[in-house]
N, C-alpha and C. Protein backbone atom coordinates (compact mmCIF):
# COMPACT_ATOMS: atom_id res chain seq x y z
N UNK A 1 145.40 119.14 -192.89
CA UNK A 1 145.89 118.03 -192.60
C UNK A 1 145.44 116.80 -193.10
N UNK A 2 145.91 115.91 -193.56
CA UNK A 2 145.52 114.43 -194.08
C UNK A 2 145.45 113.72 -192.94
N UNK A 3 144.30 112.83 -193.49
CA UNK A 3 143.86 111.74 -192.23
C UNK A 3 144.67 110.64 -192.18
N UNK A 4 144.50 109.80 -191.26
CA UNK A 4 145.72 108.64 -191.13
C UNK A 4 144.91 107.78 -191.85
N UNK A 5 146.02 106.98 -192.60
CA UNK A 5 145.88 106.04 -193.60
C UNK A 5 146.21 104.84 -193.57
N UNK A 6 145.65 103.66 -193.37
CA UNK A 6 146.05 102.51 -193.23
C UNK A 6 147.20 102.69 -191.97
N UNK A 7 146.84 103.38 -191.00
CA UNK A 7 147.87 103.22 -189.64
C UNK A 7 148.97 104.18 -189.66
N UNK A 8 149.24 104.79 -190.70
CA UNK A 8 150.19 105.97 -191.02
C UNK A 8 149.99 107.37 -190.70
N UNK A 9 150.85 107.92 -189.72
CA UNK A 9 150.45 109.44 -189.23
C UNK A 9 150.76 110.42 -190.81
N UNK A 10 149.97 111.30 -190.47
CA UNK A 10 150.27 112.45 -191.79
C UNK A 10 151.37 112.93 -191.60
N UNK A 11 152.07 113.46 -192.87
CA UNK A 11 153.56 113.96 -192.93
C UNK A 11 153.62 115.14 -192.08
N UNK A 12 154.74 115.57 -191.44
CA UNK A 12 155.10 116.56 -190.59
C UNK A 12 154.99 117.45 -191.38
N UNK A 13 154.41 118.85 -191.06
CA UNK A 13 154.02 120.11 -191.17
C UNK A 13 155.34 120.70 -191.71
N UNK A 14 155.63 121.11 -192.64
CA UNK A 14 156.85 122.06 -193.18
C UNK A 14 157.44 123.34 -192.30
N UNK A 15 156.32 124.14 -191.72
CA UNK A 15 156.44 125.31 -191.32
C UNK A 15 155.32 125.81 -190.29
N UNK A 16 155.51 126.56 -189.30
CA UNK A 16 154.40 126.90 -188.32
C UNK A 16 154.10 128.41 -188.83
N UNK A 17 152.89 128.74 -188.83
CA UNK A 17 152.10 130.09 -189.15
C UNK A 17 152.68 131.24 -188.14
N UNK A 18 153.22 130.80 -187.05
CA UNK A 18 153.24 131.72 -185.76
C UNK A 18 154.86 131.66 -185.33
N UNK A 19 155.32 130.66 -185.84
CA UNK A 19 157.08 130.68 -184.94
C UNK A 19 157.64 130.45 -186.17
N UNK A 20 159.31 130.13 -185.79
CA UNK A 20 160.10 130.03 -186.67
C UNK A 20 160.83 128.50 -186.15
N UNK A 21 160.62 128.37 -185.02
CA UNK A 21 161.30 126.99 -184.71
C UNK A 21 160.43 126.07 -183.85
N UNK A 22 158.98 125.57 -184.78
CA UNK A 22 158.29 124.68 -184.25
C UNK A 22 158.88 123.21 -183.78
N UNK A 23 158.01 122.89 -182.86
CA UNK A 23 158.43 121.29 -182.10
C UNK A 23 156.86 120.69 -182.41
N UNK A 24 157.11 119.62 -183.19
CA UNK A 24 155.73 119.23 -183.27
C UNK A 24 155.13 117.94 -182.35
N UNK A 25 153.80 117.91 -182.05
CA UNK A 25 153.25 117.00 -181.43
C UNK A 25 152.16 116.36 -181.79
N UNK A 26 152.12 114.81 -182.29
CA UNK A 26 150.98 114.59 -183.28
C UNK A 26 150.02 113.65 -182.02
N UNK A 27 148.75 114.12 -181.97
CA UNK A 27 147.73 113.90 -181.03
C UNK A 27 146.82 112.39 -181.27
N UNK A 28 147.34 111.84 -182.74
CA UNK A 28 146.25 110.70 -182.99
C UNK A 28 145.17 111.49 -184.15
N UNK A 29 145.12 112.75 -184.28
CA UNK A 29 144.30 113.40 -185.27
C UNK A 29 144.90 114.57 -186.32
N UNK A 30 145.82 115.22 -185.36
CA UNK A 30 146.47 116.33 -186.04
C UNK A 30 147.84 116.44 -185.23
N UNK A 31 148.76 117.38 -185.88
CA UNK A 31 149.80 118.22 -185.17
C UNK A 31 149.57 119.44 -184.66
N UNK A 32 150.38 119.31 -183.51
CA UNK A 32 150.02 120.92 -182.81
C UNK A 32 151.60 121.09 -182.95
N UNK A 33 151.97 122.59 -182.61
CA UNK A 33 153.24 123.42 -182.73
C UNK A 33 153.39 123.42 -181.07
N UNK A 34 154.26 122.58 -180.17
CA UNK A 34 154.31 123.00 -178.98
C UNK A 34 155.21 124.28 -178.60
N UNK A 35 155.83 124.71 -179.32
CA UNK A 35 156.53 125.98 -179.40
C UNK A 35 155.29 127.20 -179.17
N UNK A 36 154.20 127.03 -180.09
CA UNK A 36 153.52 128.17 -180.04
C UNK A 36 152.13 128.00 -178.76
N UNK A 37 151.71 126.51 -178.58
CA UNK A 37 150.73 126.04 -177.68
C UNK A 37 150.70 126.89 -176.53
N UNK A 38 149.60 127.32 -176.41
CA UNK A 38 149.37 128.33 -174.79
C UNK A 38 148.60 127.43 -173.97
N UNK A 39 147.81 126.03 -174.08
CA UNK A 39 147.17 125.50 -173.37
C UNK A 39 148.08 124.34 -172.15
N UNK A 40 147.19 123.54 -171.61
CA UNK A 40 147.84 122.53 -170.70
C UNK A 40 148.58 121.63 -171.52
N UNK A 41 149.84 121.86 -170.87
CA UNK A 41 150.65 120.47 -171.74
C UNK A 41 150.69 119.08 -171.35
N UNK A 42 149.79 118.94 -170.23
CA UNK A 42 149.22 117.71 -170.02
C UNK A 42 148.16 117.08 -170.85
N UNK A 43 147.45 117.85 -171.25
CA UNK A 43 146.21 117.85 -171.99
C UNK A 43 146.81 116.87 -173.42
N UNK A 44 147.94 117.64 -173.87
CA UNK A 44 148.36 116.91 -175.15
C UNK A 44 149.21 115.72 -174.77
N UNK A 45 149.69 115.43 -173.48
CA UNK A 45 150.37 114.45 -173.29
C UNK A 45 149.48 113.21 -173.25
N UNK A 46 148.55 113.45 -172.23
CA UNK A 46 147.54 112.46 -171.69
C UNK A 46 146.04 112.46 -172.05
N UNK A 47 145.58 113.33 -172.61
CA UNK A 47 144.33 113.46 -173.23
C UNK A 47 143.51 114.45 -172.35
N UNK A 48 142.13 115.00 -172.78
CA UNK A 48 141.60 115.88 -171.97
C UNK A 48 140.94 114.94 -170.83
N UNK A 49 140.81 115.62 -169.72
CA UNK A 49 140.15 115.30 -168.39
C UNK A 49 138.55 115.46 -168.03
N UNK A 50 138.11 115.40 -166.87
CA UNK A 50 136.47 115.47 -166.98
C UNK A 50 136.28 116.99 -166.90
N UNK A 51 135.15 117.37 -167.45
CA UNK A 51 134.83 118.82 -167.92
C UNK A 51 134.29 119.18 -166.38
N UNK A 52 134.96 120.56 -166.71
CA UNK A 52 134.47 121.48 -165.44
C UNK A 52 135.78 121.30 -164.43
N UNK A 53 136.68 120.64 -164.74
CA UNK A 53 137.76 120.39 -163.62
C UNK A 53 138.83 121.16 -164.02
N UNK A 54 139.58 121.43 -162.85
CA UNK A 54 140.89 122.42 -163.35
C UNK A 54 142.08 121.82 -162.68
N UNK A 55 143.35 121.89 -162.87
CA UNK A 55 144.45 121.39 -162.22
C UNK A 55 144.71 121.85 -160.81
N UNK A 56 143.81 122.92 -160.45
CA UNK A 56 143.94 123.30 -158.80
C UNK A 56 143.25 122.26 -157.81
N UNK A 57 142.30 121.11 -158.93
CA UNK A 57 141.10 120.52 -158.27
C UNK A 57 142.19 118.85 -158.37
N UNK A 58 143.65 119.18 -158.91
CA UNK A 58 143.95 117.63 -158.70
C UNK A 58 144.93 117.36 -158.05
N UNK A 59 145.05 116.24 -157.37
CA UNK A 59 146.24 115.88 -156.44
C UNK A 59 147.35 115.79 -156.88
N UNK A 60 147.66 115.80 -158.23
CA UNK A 60 149.19 115.93 -158.74
C UNK A 60 149.66 117.31 -158.71
N UNK A 61 149.15 118.07 -158.62
CA UNK A 61 149.66 119.44 -158.84
C UNK A 61 150.11 120.05 -157.17
N UNK A 62 151.63 120.22 -157.29
CA UNK A 62 152.39 120.65 -156.28
C UNK A 62 153.11 122.02 -156.46
N UNK A 63 152.87 122.64 -155.33
CA UNK A 63 153.75 124.03 -155.30
C UNK A 63 155.42 124.54 -154.99
N UNK A 64 155.93 125.09 -155.71
CA UNK A 64 157.21 125.14 -154.75
C UNK A 64 157.61 126.63 -154.61
N UNK A 65 157.95 127.01 -153.41
CA UNK A 65 157.86 128.23 -153.08
C UNK A 65 159.51 128.58 -152.97
N UNK A 66 159.62 129.96 -154.10
CA UNK A 66 160.75 130.60 -154.39
C UNK A 66 160.22 132.01 -153.97
N UNK A 67 160.73 132.87 -154.72
CA UNK A 67 160.39 134.33 -154.34
C UNK A 67 158.90 134.60 -154.41
N UNK A 68 158.21 133.59 -155.62
CA UNK A 68 157.07 133.37 -155.44
C UNK A 68 156.70 131.96 -155.77
N UNK A 69 155.39 131.47 -155.27
CA UNK A 69 155.08 130.16 -156.08
C UNK A 69 154.88 129.78 -157.19
N UNK A 70 155.46 128.64 -157.42
CA UNK A 70 155.27 128.28 -158.84
C UNK A 70 154.59 127.08 -158.89
N UNK A 71 154.04 126.30 -159.72
CA UNK A 71 153.62 125.17 -159.62
C UNK A 71 153.73 124.07 -160.69
N UNK A 72 153.81 122.80 -160.42
CA UNK A 72 154.23 121.97 -161.13
C UNK A 72 153.36 120.69 -161.09
N UNK A 73 152.96 119.88 -162.28
CA UNK A 73 152.63 118.78 -162.31
C UNK A 73 153.42 117.45 -162.05
N UNK A 74 153.04 116.63 -161.06
CA UNK A 74 153.94 115.81 -160.36
C UNK A 74 153.82 114.58 -161.82
N UNK A 75 152.73 114.59 -162.65
CA UNK A 75 152.75 113.49 -163.95
C UNK A 75 153.47 113.87 -164.81
N UNK A 76 154.20 115.28 -165.18
CA UNK A 76 154.74 115.47 -166.43
C UNK A 76 156.14 115.07 -166.53
N UNK A 77 156.83 114.20 -167.59
CA UNK A 77 157.95 113.72 -167.38
C UNK A 77 159.03 114.85 -167.38
N UNK A 78 160.34 114.78 -167.07
CA UNK A 78 161.44 115.60 -167.47
C UNK A 78 161.09 117.08 -166.63
N UNK A 79 160.45 117.06 -165.24
CA UNK A 79 160.44 118.39 -164.83
C UNK A 79 161.47 119.46 -164.50
N UNK A 80 161.61 120.23 -164.45
CA UNK A 80 162.89 121.19 -164.74
C UNK A 80 162.45 122.09 -163.49
N UNK A 81 163.79 123.06 -162.64
CA UNK A 81 163.24 123.98 -162.10
C UNK A 81 162.99 125.39 -162.43
N UNK A 82 163.13 125.38 -164.06
CA UNK A 82 162.59 126.53 -164.93
C UNK A 82 161.45 126.60 -165.25
N UNK A 83 161.23 127.73 -165.97
CA UNK A 83 159.88 128.11 -166.13
C UNK A 83 158.90 127.30 -167.19
N UNK A 84 159.84 126.52 -167.81
CA UNK A 84 158.91 125.77 -168.98
C UNK A 84 158.33 124.64 -168.63
N UNK A 85 158.38 124.06 -167.22
CA UNK A 85 157.28 122.94 -167.16
C UNK A 85 156.88 123.33 -166.08
N UNK A 86 156.37 124.87 -165.75
CA UNK A 86 155.45 125.36 -164.83
C UNK A 86 153.88 124.87 -165.44
N UNK A 87 153.02 124.91 -164.22
CA UNK A 87 151.73 124.27 -164.60
C UNK A 87 150.92 125.50 -164.06
N UNK A 88 149.77 126.06 -164.44
CA UNK A 88 149.06 127.02 -164.29
C UNK A 88 147.83 126.21 -163.12
N UNK A 89 147.25 126.73 -162.04
CA UNK A 89 146.23 126.07 -161.48
C UNK A 89 144.68 126.01 -162.35
N UNK A 90 144.64 127.27 -163.36
CA UNK A 90 143.56 127.62 -164.01
C UNK A 90 143.51 126.59 -165.18
N UNK A 91 144.68 125.81 -165.88
CA UNK A 91 144.66 124.95 -167.00
C UNK A 91 143.28 123.77 -166.62
N UNK A 92 142.48 123.50 -167.81
CA UNK A 92 141.99 122.21 -167.84
C UNK A 92 142.30 121.02 -167.37
N UNK A 93 141.55 120.22 -166.82
CA UNK A 93 142.18 118.90 -165.73
C UNK A 93 142.46 117.99 -167.37
N UNK A 94 143.57 117.47 -167.19
CA UNK A 94 143.83 116.51 -168.49
C UNK A 94 143.43 115.01 -167.78
N UNK A 95 143.67 113.79 -168.47
CA UNK A 95 143.27 112.42 -168.43
C UNK A 95 143.91 111.91 -166.89
N UNK A 96 144.94 112.62 -166.39
CA UNK A 96 145.57 111.95 -165.38
C UNK A 96 144.73 112.59 -164.09
N UNK A 97 143.67 113.30 -163.87
CA UNK A 97 143.22 113.64 -163.08
C UNK A 97 143.13 112.94 -162.08
N UNK A 98 143.15 113.36 -160.71
CA UNK A 98 142.70 112.56 -159.46
C UNK A 98 142.55 113.91 -158.62
N UNK A 99 141.13 113.65 -157.76
CA UNK A 99 140.55 114.41 -157.04
C UNK A 99 141.48 114.74 -156.07
N UNK A 100 141.70 115.91 -155.60
CA UNK A 100 142.38 116.61 -154.59
C UNK A 100 141.26 116.38 -153.39
N UNK A 101 142.07 115.64 -152.15
CA UNK A 101 141.30 116.24 -150.66
C UNK A 101 141.36 117.01 -149.84
N UNK A 102 142.89 117.46 -150.10
CA UNK A 102 143.65 118.21 -148.99
C UNK A 102 144.09 119.28 -149.95
N UNK A 103 144.84 120.44 -149.16
CA UNK A 103 145.50 121.56 -149.75
C UNK A 103 146.46 121.23 -150.82
N UNK A 104 146.80 121.85 -151.54
CA UNK A 104 148.08 121.92 -152.52
C UNK A 104 149.11 122.06 -151.79
N UNK A 105 150.04 120.65 -151.80
CA UNK A 105 150.98 120.81 -150.95
C UNK A 105 152.23 122.03 -151.25
N UNK A 106 153.31 122.31 -150.50
CA UNK A 106 154.01 123.33 -150.81
C UNK A 106 155.39 122.75 -150.39
N UNK A 107 156.33 122.92 -151.18
CA UNK A 107 157.67 122.32 -151.31
C UNK A 107 158.91 123.71 -151.04
N UNK A 108 159.64 123.95 -150.37
CA UNK A 108 160.57 124.61 -150.25
C UNK A 108 161.87 124.65 -151.45
N UNK A 109 161.72 125.69 -152.41
CA UNK A 109 162.47 125.63 -153.13
C UNK A 109 164.14 125.97 -153.47
N UNK A 110 164.44 126.06 -152.03
CA UNK A 110 165.93 126.10 -151.89
C UNK A 110 166.64 124.61 -151.77
N UNK A 111 166.32 123.81 -151.93
CA UNK A 111 166.93 122.84 -151.96
C UNK A 111 166.41 121.60 -151.28
């Protein structure tokens, strides 16, 4: 990738090496394919958080009880009921990290 020149971002990559339908995210330094990205999507949106902290330690993480409990970050825009916006408790924390003082809240997923 080329660097930023005079405030202009690098050109959008032509293709992704691992997938056929890339969705690109510019983080200020480089493009990342969101379709292939396996890390914490909040780190892409907001930047990295404190070292050694995980989403399980953050006050913004909430659980929704379906047949199994899924977790969502309340800071992410456009949350859905689908797996696409699920959050793992073991993800590294993002810049919106707020230290949790109690247990992860659980909500009923039936409505």
